[in-house]
Every structure is written in structure tokens, then in C-alpha cells.
């Protein structure tokens, strides 16, 4: 496994909270943001009397939306005082109207990043004819203040203190663990597979699965686990093992997906637009659904290896009130349904790779169990959301490596995977 870093994809970062003048048309029609020179960002944008125009991918992330709003545009970096020789230069970044900028409000968190690689932007019809863009691509990301999205971006780029003036971030603040890789991809940054010797891995995948279609998620997950072999131990290091399984599967999935998509595009669609759209949607839907199923499958294997008594919420009769199906029930759904079985011997675990607002679904899935557990791969959940979870007696379980993205105070309130397994084993022994 090749350990890539954020710095492999991002050269420079600066962030601030937007003022009303920065963001709101009714406050200002300038569409300009200043202060980047003081943050040391001008080397990425240029210095001189000419206008500097660049491709930019704009992203608005909201905790209450599953997918971010993304659009491609361009920006102009220029000296507002270039015609006034009596005054020093004052550079500003001019942005243009887009679906993303329409979402902006004063107080929003704003992050600007210079990307190492050019983005394959969709700017046709956005950049006027005759406008030439300079080499280089940038990322403009916006999020509501106090949101989990803001917390995650701060953690990724080492932004411990952000104000109304730009602060420079770091591109080596944290390891590029799986959730952060997925977040970069979700906001339009193309990241590598994280695998060395991709050609050899691809051949193994084609040999195993035929190079025509994807196998069932459970089969692909087993292949990923077996490829790691004795490099990990579900018993000795369950946290690291779970993350290694997930990372390996994600890397293999992206490698194999790229191969299958390329082969299908070479075959062509003979002008059949509907077939092309159906194929594109199938690729997107597979990406969305697969990771959750893989997560549950790897957890199942982890719990089996550790000798825990449990059942997944699949199959006939594995339900609680209102036909709810919790992801995992310890020791069994039969025990839960037996009203004489002590509540102290029951544990319920929900599993969600990301929380957003979906964590609330867990609250109504097992009424007999007052304090529920939820395992997630989501990094740096906001303090406000963590407090709301705690108020509903929801205990969060987060793998150790992901806990590094949380504050020290927050980490003390989280369980890691090993601690949850110990709790389940202790509960099992006492009943």
C-alpha cells in the first residue's frame, strides 16, 4: 500500500469566514475577496499588472444534504490599484455568479486551495469566448459555520484558528486516511488508488472476476481481506484491521472500476444517449451503495473473528419495533424480542460510514435499549452534533486513526473499535 498525503494533491491552502461584503450581493456587487496576499497565497496566483484567470471548482457542503453542490467556473486575480501609481498594489480575487456562490452567506467558512494537478473542469458555456485561462486549478469550498463539514476541512488542513482574515493552512497536517480520501473525492479532487504496482493488482482482479462486471460486494470484500492476509490481525488490532480492510477494498474497487468503465467506453454506445445515461447512473449508484455494504461486511467479519454473539439486521424475523432493522444486535434479535431477557445484556450497533442527519434513524430502531451505539468512519464531527448525539444517549464508536481528527476533549467521549468489542464481550460474559 502506498501512503499518499494531502500534499500530493494540494499545494497551498487559505481559509477565512466570509464577511457580508465578500458573499452577499445585496451588501456588495463587487464579487471580490481580498486578503490573500497577507496569507502568503499570492505565489499561487501571480503578481503583475495583468489579469490572472484560472479554472476553479466551487463546492458548497451542507450537513443536511447527502451530496455537495459542485460547479466549475473561473476566477480573476487582479490588482485593483494598477492604474494608480501613487498607491501600492491591492490584489483581489473576483468570482462570478454560479449555483454555489448563490448559496454563500456572510459568516460561512471559506477555503481556497491550489491544486497540484489540473482538474478536468466542465467550463463550456461558463467561460466566455476569447477568455484565456492560465495553467493551474483552484478549489473554492464553502460550508456553514459550526458544521461538521467545516470541522473536517479544518482538521484536514491543520486550521486550528480561523477568523475573518485569511489564515494559511497545512498540507501535511494529517495522514490521508480513507474518510479524508473520500471527502477529497466528493469535492472534486481526483486522488490515486493508493496501491503500488497497479498493473499487477489489476491483473489479479481481472483473473479473479473476469474483467466484465463487478462481483457481489461480499465476494469483493473477501478478496480485499484475503489480499492483506497476515499483515493485519482482527483480534490483536481491530481498529487498524478494519481501516486496512476498508482502505484496501476502496483502492481495489477504484482500480477495477476504472478498468471496467474504460472498457465500456471503448465499446461505445452507438449514439444511444439513454444507454449512456443509464450506464453513468449505474456507476454512481454502485459507488454510493457499495461502501456501506462493505463496511457492514467487514464489521461482521471482525466480530466473528473476536468470538462475539451477534446478528445482523438481515433475514426473516430480525426486526425490532415497527419492523425496524438495526444493523447489528448483540447477542441476537431473539434475545431482544424476549421480554424476559435482561436489557443489561443487550447492545445495538448502527453502522454508517457518514452520519450527517441519518444518525437519528438509529434512535428509534431498538426501544428496549436506552443507550445505543453507532459506529462511523466520519472524521471531525462538529461539537454541536456530538452534543446532540450525547443528549439522545447515543454513544459514538470511531476507529482510532479517525479519532485523530477530533479534538482532545471530544476523543475522551468516543469509543474505538477495540473498546466496543471489549464492551460486547463483557456484556456477553455477564449474561
Protein backbone atom coordinates (compact mmCIF):
# COMPACT_ATOMS: atom_id res chain seq x y z
CA UNK A 1 0.00 0.00 0.00
CA UNK A 2 1.35 3.42 -0.99
CA UNK A 3 0.74 6.07 1.66
CA UNK A 4 -0.17 9.21 -0.23
CA UNK A 5 -0.61 12.54 1.50
CA UNK A 6 -2.81 15.60 1.15
CA UNK A 7 0.28 17.39 -0.16
CA UNK A 8 0.29 15.02 -3.15
CA UNK A 9 -2.85 16.76 -4.37
CA UNK A 10 -2.88 20.23 -2.79
CA UNK A 11 -0.08 22.82 -2.89
CA UNK A 12 -1.46 25.61 -0.76
CA UNK A 13 -4.49 26.42 1.40
CA UNK A 14 -6.01 29.51 2.98
CA UNK A 15 -9.30 29.88 4.86
CA UNK A 16 -11.48 32.52 6.49
CA UNK A 17 -15.04 33.31 7.47
CA UNK A 18 -16.76 35.34 4.77
CA UNK A 19 -17.94 38.85 5.51
CA UNK A 20 -21.27 40.08 4.18
CA UNK A 21 -19.36 42.17 1.64
CA UNK A 22 -17.49 39.06 0.47
CA UNK A 23 -20.58 36.99 -0.04
CA UNK A 24 -23.90 38.78 -0.34
CA UNK A 25 -24.98 40.62 -3.49
CA UNK A 26 -27.33 42.90 -1.53
CA UNK A 27 -24.37 44.03 0.58
CA UNK A 28 -21.93 44.42 -2.32
CA UNK A 29 -21.94 43.81 -6.05
CA UNK A 30 -18.16 43.56 -6.24
CA UNK A 31 -17.91 39.74 -6.14
CA UNK A 32 -14.42 40.20 -4.75
CA UNK A 33 -12.45 38.65 -1.91
CA UNK A 34 -9.28 40.27 -0.60
CA UNK A 35 -6.61 39.47 1.98
CA UNK A 36 -4.91 36.56 0.22
CA UNK A 37 -1.56 38.34 -0.14
CA UNK A 38 -1.21 38.71 3.64
CA UNK A 39 -1.91 34.99 3.98
CA UNK A 40 1.03 34.21 1.67
CA UNK A 41 -1.18 32.94 -1.16
CA UNK A 42 0.00 35.28 -3.93
CA UNK A 43 2.75 32.91 -5.23
CA UNK A 44 -0.02 30.57 -6.37
CA UNK A 45 -2.00 33.34 -8.09
CA UNK A 46 0.67 35.60 -9.57
CA UNK A 47 1.90 39.18 -9.29
CA UNK A 48 1.87 41.82 -12.01
CA UNK A 49 -0.26 44.35 -13.90
CA UNK A 50 -2.13 41.76 -15.96
CA UNK A 51 -5.27 39.87 -15.06
CA UNK A 52 -4.70 36.28 -13.98
CA UNK A 53 -7.60 33.96 -14.81
CA UNK A 54 -7.80 30.37 -13.60
CA UNK A 55 -10.12 27.38 -13.61
CA UNK A 56 -11.87 26.85 -10.32
CA UNK A 57 -14.10 24.16 -8.91
CA UNK A 58 -16.64 25.58 -6.48
CA UNK A 59 -18.19 23.40 -3.80
CA UNK A 60 -20.85 24.05 -1.17
CA UNK A 61 -21.11 21.40 1.55
CA UNK A 62 -24.09 21.20 3.87
CA UNK A 63 -24.61 18.80 6.77
CA UNK A 64 -28.26 18.34 5.82
CA UNK A 65 -27.58 17.37 2.19
CA UNK A 66 -26.18 14.00 1.16
CA UNK A 67 -24.22 15.40 -1.78
CA UNK A 68 -22.34 18.71 -2.05
CA UNK A 69 -23.28 21.26 -4.69
CA UNK A 70 -20.43 21.39 -7.22
CA UNK A 71 -19.89 23.53 -10.29
CA UNK A 72 -16.95 24.61 -12.43
CA UNK A 73 -16.19 28.24 -13.14
CA UNK A 74 -13.23 30.61 -13.31
CA UNK A 75 -11.83 33.46 -11.22
CA UNK A 76 -9.85 36.58 -11.99
CA UNK A 77 -6.95 37.70 -9.79
CA UNK A 78 -6.00 41.32 -10.35
CA UNK A 79 -4.54 44.46 -8.81
CA UNK A 80 -7.36 46.91 -8.09
CA UNK A 81 -4.81 49.79 -7.93
CA UNK A 82 -2.85 49.06 -11.08
CA UNK A 83 -3.94 52.39 -12.62
CA UNK A 84 -2.96 54.38 -9.53
CA UNK A 85 0.83 54.71 -9.40
CA UNK A 86 0.66 56.67 -6.14
CA UNK A 87 -0.56 53.66 -4.19
CA UNK A 88 0.77 50.18 -3.61
CA UNK A 89 -0.88 47.14 -5.18
CA UNK A 90 -4.05 45.65 -3.71
CA UNK A 91 -4.93 42.27 -5.16
CA UNK A 92 -8.40 40.79 -5.09
CA UNK A 93 -9.98 37.57 -6.27
CA UNK A 94 -13.01 38.18 -8.45
CA UNK A 95 -15.55 35.36 -8.71
CA UNK A 96 -18.55 35.01 -11.00
CA UNK A 97 -22.14 34.04 -10.29
CA UNK A 98 -22.80 30.31 -10.05
CA UNK A 99 -25.15 27.89 -8.25
CA UNK A 100 -22.53 27.67 -5.50
CA UNK A 101 -21.99 31.41 -4.99
CA UNK A 102 -25.78 31.82 -4.74
CA UNK A 103 -25.62 29.66 -1.60
CA UNK A 104 -22.96 31.80 0.10
CA UNK A 105 -23.79 33.90 3.15
CA UNK A 106 -21.84 36.16 5.44
CA UNK A 107 -20.22 34.10 8.19
CA UNK A 108 -19.77 31.00 6.03
CA UNK A 109 -16.48 29.12 6.25
CA UNK A 110 -14.47 29.52 3.04
CA UNK A 111 -11.42 27.52 1.98
CA UNK A 112 -9.32 28.23 -1.11
CA UNK A 113 -6.88 25.57 -2.28
CA UNK A 114 -4.32 25.49 -5.09
CA UNK A 115 -4.39 22.01 -6.61
CA UNK A 116 -1.26 20.29 -7.85
CA UNK A 117 -2.97 18.80 -10.87
CA UNK A 118 -5.29 20.34 -13.42
CA UNK A 119 -8.94 19.50 -12.93
CA UNK A 120 -10.92 18.24 -15.91
CA UNK A 121 -13.43 21.03 -15.48
CA UNK A 122 -16.71 21.42 -17.34
CA UNK A 123 -16.48 25.12 -18.22
CA UNK A 124 -18.11 25.06 -21.66
CA UNK A 125 -20.67 27.85 -21.70
CA UNK A 126 -19.27 29.22 -18.44
CA UNK A 127 -16.06 30.85 -19.65
CA UNK A 128 -16.85 33.48 -22.33
CA UNK A 129 -15.34 33.05 -25.79
CA UNK A 130 -11.97 34.74 -26.06
CA UNK A 131 -11.13 34.41 -22.37
CA UNK A 132 -7.89 32.51 -21.92
CA UNK A 133 -7.23 30.73 -18.67
CA UNK A 134 -3.74 30.33 -17.27
CA UNK A 135 -2.38 26.92 -16.25
CA UNK A 136 -3.40 25.93 -12.75
CA UNK A 137 -6.58 24.88 -10.98
CA UNK A 138 -8.11 26.02 -7.72
CA UNK A 139 -10.75 24.77 -5.33
CA UNK A 140 -13.22 27.05 -3.54
CA UNK A 141 -15.10 25.25 -0.76
CA UNK A 142 -17.84 26.78 1.38
CA UNK A 143 -19.62 25.41 4.47
CA UNK A 144 -21.90 26.69 7.20
CA UNK A 145 -20.07 27.86 10.34
CA UNK A 146 -20.10 25.27 13.11
CA UNK A 147 -20.93 22.44 10.70
CA UNK A 148 -19.22 19.05 10.56
CA UNK A 149 -18.04 19.92 7.05
CA UNK A 150 -16.18 22.92 8.47
CA UNK A 151 -14.66 20.79 11.25
CA UNK A 152 -13.49 18.19 8.74
CA UNK A 153 -11.86 20.75 6.44
CA UNK A 154 -10.12 22.38 9.40
CA UNK A 155 -8.81 19.00 10.55
CA UNK A 156 -7.62 18.04 7.09
CA UNK A 157 -5.63 21.24 6.62
CA UNK A 158 -4.49 21.96 10.18
CA UNK A 159 -6.59 25.10 10.55
CA UNK A 160 -6.80 25.41 14.32
CA UNK A 161 -7.73 29.09 14.32
CA UNK A 162 -9.85 30.77 11.63
CA UNK A 163 -11.19 34.32 11.68
CA UNK A 164 -12.50 36.99 9.33
CA UNK A 165 -8.99 37.31 7.85
CA UNK A 166 -7.31 34.59 5.81
CA UNK A 167 -5.18 32.03 7.66
CA UNK A 168 -2.81 29.73 5.80
CA UNK A 169 -3.37 26.00 6.21
CA UNK A 170 -1.08 22.98 6.09
CA UNK A 171 -0.98 20.18 3.55
CA UNK A 172 0.80 17.76 5.89
CA UNK A 173 -1.42 18.15 8.97
CA UNK A 174 -2.84 14.60 8.94
CA UNK A 175 -2.42 11.31 7.13
CA UNK A 176 -4.71 10.85 4.16
CA UNK A 177 -6.83 8.17 5.81
CA UNK A 178 -9.79 6.68 3.96
CA UNK A 179 -12.52 9.13 5.11
CA UNK A 180 -10.38 12.10 4.09
CA UNK A 181 -9.65 10.47 0.73
CA UNK A 182 -13.38 10.05 0.20
CA UNK A 183 -14.00 13.65 1.22
CA UNK A 184 -11.42 14.95 -1.26
CA UNK A 185 -13.05 12.89 -3.97
CA UNK A 186 -16.51 14.15 -3.01
CA UNK A 187 -15.41 17.75 -3.56
CA UNK A 188 -13.88 17.05 -6.95
CA UNK A 189 -10.23 16.22 -6.27
CA UNK A 190 -9.03 13.15 -8.14
CA UNK A 191 -6.89 11.00 -5.83
CA UNK A 192 -4.82 7.96 -6.66
CA UNK A 193 -5.70 4.38 -5.80
CA UNK A 194 -3.11 4.23 -3.02
CA UNK A 195 -1.85 0.95 -4.48
CA UNK A 196 1.65 0.27 -5.69
CA UNK A 197 2.14 -1.86 -8.82
CA UNK A 198 -1.34 -1.12 -10.15
CA UNK A 199 -0.79 -3.26 -13.25
CA UNK A 200 -0.22 -6.38 -11.18
CA UNK A 201 -3.20 -5.67 -8.95
CA UNK A 202 -5.44 -5.09 -11.95
CA UNK A 203 -4.39 -8.38 -13.49
CA UNK A 204 -5.25 -10.17 -10.24
CA UNK A 205 -8.68 -8.53 -10.26
CA UNK A 206 -9.35 -9.45 -13.89
CA UNK A 207 -8.22 -13.02 -13.26
CA UNK A 208 -10.46 -13.29 -10.20
CA UNK A 209 -13.61 -11.64 -11.56
CA UNK A 210 -13.38 -11.91 -15.34
CA UNK A 211 -12.91 -8.26 -16.24
CA UNK A 212 -16.55 -7.93 -17.34
CA UNK A 213 -18.57 -6.88 -14.28
CA UNK A 214 -18.35 -6.43 -10.52
CA UNK A 215 -18.99 -9.41 -8.26
CA UNK A 216 -21.24 -9.16 -5.21
CA UNK A 217 -19.92 -6.80 -2.56
CA UNK A 218 -19.40 -9.66 -0.09
CA UNK A 219 -17.19 -11.51 -2.59
CA UNK A 220 -15.18 -8.41 -3.45
CA UNK A 221 -14.75 -7.62 0.27
CA UNK A 222 -13.46 -11.13 0.94
CA UNK A 223 -10.93 -10.71 -1.88
CA UNK A 224 -9.76 -7.43 -0.31
CA UNK A 225 -9.36 -9.01 3.13
CA UNK A 226 -7.51 -12.02 1.77
CA UNK A 227 -5.12 -9.76 -0.15
CA UNK A 228 -3.89 -8.38 3.18
CA UNK A 229 -3.52 -11.77 4.81
CA UNK A 230 -1.34 -11.79 7.92
CA UNK A 231 -0.46 -8.10 7.57
CA UNK A 232 -3.35 -7.38 9.94
CA UNK A 233 -4.98 -9.08 12.92
CA UNK A 234 -8.68 -8.75 13.69
CA UNK A 235 -8.03 -9.88 17.27
CA UNK A 236 -4.84 -8.00 18.17
CA UNK A 237 -5.51 -4.72 16.33
CA UNK A 238 -9.20 -4.50 15.39
CA UNK A 239 -9.16 -0.74 14.74
CA UNK A 240 -6.22 -0.86 12.35
CA UNK A 241 -7.54 -4.03 10.74
CA UNK A 242 -10.97 -2.56 9.99
CA UNK A 243 -9.38 0.51 8.41
CA UNK A 244 -6.91 -1.60 6.43
CA UNK A 245 -9.72 -3.76 5.06
CA UNK A 246 -11.78 -0.71 4.10
CA UNK A 247 -8.83 1.10 2.55
CA UNK A 248 -7.72 -1.93 0.55
CA UNK A 249 -11.22 -2.58 -0.75
CA UNK A 250 -11.70 1.07 -1.73
CA UNK A 251 -8.37 1.09 -3.58
CA UNK A 252 -9.11 -2.16 -5.41
CA UNK A 253 -12.64 -1.04 -6.20
CA UNK A 254 -11.50 2.22 -7.81
CA UNK A 255 -8.81 0.43 -9.81
CA UNK A 256 -11.22 -2.21 -11.12
CA UNK A 257 -13.99 0.33 -11.70
CA UNK A 258 -11.69 2.48 -13.82
CA UNK A 259 -10.83 -0.56 -15.93
CA UNK A 260 -14.47 -1.62 -16.42
CA UNK A 261 -15.62 1.92 -17.25
CA UNK A 262 -12.80 2.37 -19.76
CA UNK A 263 -13.67 -0.93 -21.45
CA UNK A 264 -17.33 0.08 -21.69
CA UNK A 265 -16.47 3.48 -23.15
CA UNK A 266 -14.22 1.87 -25.74
CA UNK A 267 -17.11 -0.38 -26.73
CA UNK A 268 -19.23 2.73 -27.19
CA UNK A 269 -22.96 3.43 -27.10
CA UNK A 270 -23.65 3.88 -30.85
CA UNK A 271 -25.33 7.22 -30.24
CA UNK A 272 -27.77 5.76 -27.70
CA UNK A 273 -27.96 8.59 -25.19
CA UNK A 274 -30.33 6.76 -22.84
CA UNK A 275 -27.94 3.80 -22.61
CA UNK A 276 -25.07 6.13 -21.79
CA UNK A 277 -27.10 7.89 -19.08
CA UNK A 278 -28.18 4.55 -17.60
CA UNK A 279 -24.57 3.39 -17.53
CA UNK A 280 -23.40 6.61 -15.88
CA UNK A 281 -26.11 6.38 -13.22
CA UNK A 282 -25.25 2.76 -12.52
CA UNK A 283 -21.63 3.74 -11.86
CA UNK A 284 -22.69 6.50 -9.45
CA UNK A 285 -25.24 4.33 -7.65
CA UNK A 286 -22.74 1.50 -7.21
CA UNK A 287 -20.25 3.88 -5.61
CA UNK A 288 -22.86 5.15 -3.16
CA UNK A 289 -24.32 1.81 -2.10
CA UNK A 290 -21.21 -0.37 -2.11
CA UNK A 291 -19.20 1.34 0.63
CA UNK A 292 -21.97 0.98 3.21
CA UNK A 293 -22.46 -2.72 2.45
CA UNK A 294 -18.69 -3.26 2.54
CA UNK A 295 -18.48 -1.53 5.93
CA UNK A 296 -21.13 -3.81 7.42
CA UNK A 297 -19.49 -6.87 5.89
CA UNK A 298 -16.08 -6.08 7.34
CA UNK A 299 -17.61 -5.40 10.76
CA UNK A 300 -19.37 -8.77 10.58
CA UNK A 301 -16.05 -10.50 9.90
CA UNK A 302 -14.36 -8.56 12.69
CA UNK A 303 -16.99 -9.55 15.25
CA UNK A 304 -16.92 -13.20 14.15
CA UNK A 305 -13.13 -13.31 14.47
CA UNK A 306 -13.44 -11.91 18.00
CA UNK A 307 -15.96 -14.57 19.04
CA UNK A 308 -18.89 -12.25 19.68
CA UNK A 309 -22.50 -13.40 19.68
CA UNK A 310 -24.50 -11.14 17.38
CA UNK A 311 -26.83 -10.98 14.40
CA UNK A 312 -27.11 -8.56 11.51
CA UNK A 313 -30.46 -6.99 10.73
CA UNK A 314 -30.98 -9.09 7.64
CA UNK A 315 -33.21 -12.09 7.24
CA UNK A 316 -36.65 -13.17 8.37
CA UNK A 317 -37.65 -12.19 11.88
CA UNK A 318 -34.64 -9.98 12.55
CA UNK A 319 -36.65 -6.90 13.43
CA UNK A 320 -37.48 -4.70 16.39
CA UNK A 321 -40.42 -2.34 16.92
CA UNK A 322 -42.19 -1.10 13.77
CA UNK A 323 -40.25 -3.64 11.69
CA UNK A 324 -37.02 -1.67 12.20
CA UNK A 325 -33.82 -3.49 11.28
CA UNK A 326 -30.81 -2.35 13.32
CA UNK A 327 -27.51 -3.13 11.62
CA UNK A 328 -26.19 -5.29 14.49
CA UNK A 329 -27.87 -6.74 17.57
CA UNK A 330 -25.92 -8.36 20.43
CA UNK A 331 -26.41 -11.19 21.27
CA UNK A 332 -29.39 -11.76 18.91
CA UNK A 333 -32.75 -10.47 17.75
CA UNK A 334 -34.38 -13.39 19.56
CA UNK A 335 -32.91 -12.15 22.84
CA UNK A 336 -34.16 -8.64 22.10
CA UNK A 337 -37.67 -9.91 21.34
CA UNK A 338 -37.70 -11.97 24.57
CA UNK A 339 -39.13 -9.51 27.09
CA UNK A 340 -37.69 -11.61 29.94
CA UNK A 341 -34.15 -11.23 28.61
CA UNK A 342 -32.36 -8.56 30.69
CA UNK A 343 -31.87 -5.22 28.96
CA UNK A 344 -28.39 -5.08 30.53
CA UNK A 345 -27.40 -7.95 28.24
CA UNK A 346 -28.44 -6.21 25.03
CA UNK A 347 -26.38 -3.99 22.74
CA UNK A 348 -27.45 -2.38 19.49
CA UNK A 349 -24.93 -1.05 16.99
CA UNK A 350 -25.78 1.08 13.98
CA UNK A 351 -23.19 1.34 11.21
CA UNK A 352 -22.94 4.37 8.96
CA UNK A 353 -19.84 5.39 7.04
CA UNK A 354 -21.02 9.00 7.35
CA UNK A 355 -23.53 10.45 9.77
CA UNK A 356 -24.96 13.77 8.58
CA UNK A 357 -28.61 13.72 9.73
CA UNK A 358 -29.02 9.97 9.18
CA UNK A 359 -27.69 9.15 12.65
CA UNK A 360 -31.15 9.93 14.02
CA UNK A 361 -32.50 6.82 12.31
CA UNK A 362 -30.68 4.73 14.90
CA UNK A 363 -32.59 6.28 17.80
CA UNK A 364 -35.90 4.57 17.00
CA UNK A 365 -34.56 1.16 15.99
CA UNK A 366 -34.49 -0.56 19.40
CA UNK A 367 -36.75 1.00 22.04
CA UNK A 368 -35.80 -1.53 24.74
CA UNK A 369 -32.19 -0.32 24.68
CA UNK A 370 -31.97 3.21 26.12
CA UNK A 371 -28.30 3.79 25.28
CA UNK A 372 -27.43 2.89 21.70
CA UNK A 373 -24.14 2.68 19.80
CA UNK A 374 -23.25 3.96 16.34
CA UNK A 375 -20.00 3.19 14.54
CA UNK A 376 -18.93 5.60 11.82
CA UNK A 377 -15.97 6.48 9.63
CA UNK A 378 -16.85 10.16 9.58
CA UNK A 379 -13.99 12.39 10.72
CA UNK A 380 -14.24 15.53 12.86
CA UNK A 381 -17.97 15.64 13.52
CA UNK A 382 -18.90 19.06 14.86
CA UNK A 383 -19.11 19.67 18.59
CA UNK A 384 -22.77 20.68 18.29
CA UNK A 385 -23.70 17.41 16.59
CA UNK A 386 -21.74 15.36 19.13
CA UNK A 387 -23.58 17.10 21.96
CA UNK A 388 -26.92 16.35 20.31
CA UNK A 389 -25.97 12.68 19.98
CA UNK A 390 -24.97 12.53 23.63
CA UNK A 391 -28.26 14.14 24.65
CA UNK A 392 -30.05 11.25 22.92
CA UNK A 393 -27.84 8.69 24.73
CA UNK A 394 -26.10 7.72 21.50
CA UNK A 395 -22.53 6.52 22.05
CA UNK A 396 -20.29 7.06 19.03
CA UNK A 397 -17.72 4.42 18.05
CA UNK A 398 -14.89 5.72 15.85
CA UNK A 399 -11.75 3.83 14.73
CA UNK A 400 -8.61 5.09 16.47
CA UNK A 401 -6.93 6.58 13.39
CA UNK A 402 -10.02 8.66 12.62
CA UNK A 403 -10.22 9.90 16.22
CA UNK A 404 -7.06 11.90 15.47
CA UNK A 405 -9.27 14.34 13.52
CA UNK A 406 -11.30 15.11 16.67
CA UNK A 407 -10.28 17.50 19.44
CA UNK A 408 -8.70 16.07 22.58
CA UNK A 409 -11.83 16.86 24.57
CA UNK A 410 -14.03 15.05 22.06
CA UNK A 411 -11.84 11.95 21.90
CA UNK A 412 -12.43 11.24 25.58
CA UNK A 413 -16.14 10.78 24.83
CA UNK A 414 -15.64 8.34 21.94
CA UNK A 415 -15.14 4.58 21.93
CA UNK A 416 -12.77 2.95 19.49
CA UNK A 417 -13.49 -0.42 17.87
CA UNK A 418 -11.38 -2.37 20.36
CA UNK A 419 -13.21 -0.78 23.29
CA UNK A 420 -16.60 -1.63 21.78
CA UNK A 421 -15.54 -5.25 21.25
CA UNK A 422 -14.40 -5.41 24.89
CA UNK A 423 -17.76 -3.98 25.98
CA UNK A 424 -19.68 -6.51 23.88
CA UNK A 425 -17.55 -9.37 25.20
CA UNK A 426 -18.02 -8.24 28.82
CA UNK A 427 -21.78 -7.89 28.32
CA UNK A 428 -21.86 -11.34 26.75
CA UNK A 429 -19.97 -12.94 29.66
CA UNK A 430 -22.20 -11.36 32.31
CA UNK A 431 -25.44 -12.67 30.82
